[in-house]
């Protein structure tokens, strides 16, 4: 696939899975041997872990919107800088709903094979945002 096609897969992952919580899309865009090299804490580093982590985010936050600022692609890698905007409307990691608007900064690097996520590396401030609630 071209770098532009890979960028579209990453965009779809962000909009359909992270933003909307649609786990069905993962069957189409995440490989069976996917590995998240920077999975948080006790979260599994496979597709099950993705579902677990984003499920936790959707339980604690509503009105999730992702703004993608840059996507850089080379060969089979796509790097994305984005901000996740949300409202804290549910319990998350022991923090009762506050109604606060939050912003979570994220940089992801994804390796794709045949239009599917194979590897993920990332840095974000999601845990710091949750701890500040």
Foldseek 3Di string as FASTA:
>chain_A
DDQVLLVVLVVCCCVCCLQVVDLVCQVVAADQQAAEPDQPDPQHGHSNSVSVVSVLVCQQWPPWDKDWDDWDDDDQKIKTWIKIWTFGCDDHPNDGHDRDIDIKTKIKMFGGDPRHTRYIYMDICVVVRNVVD
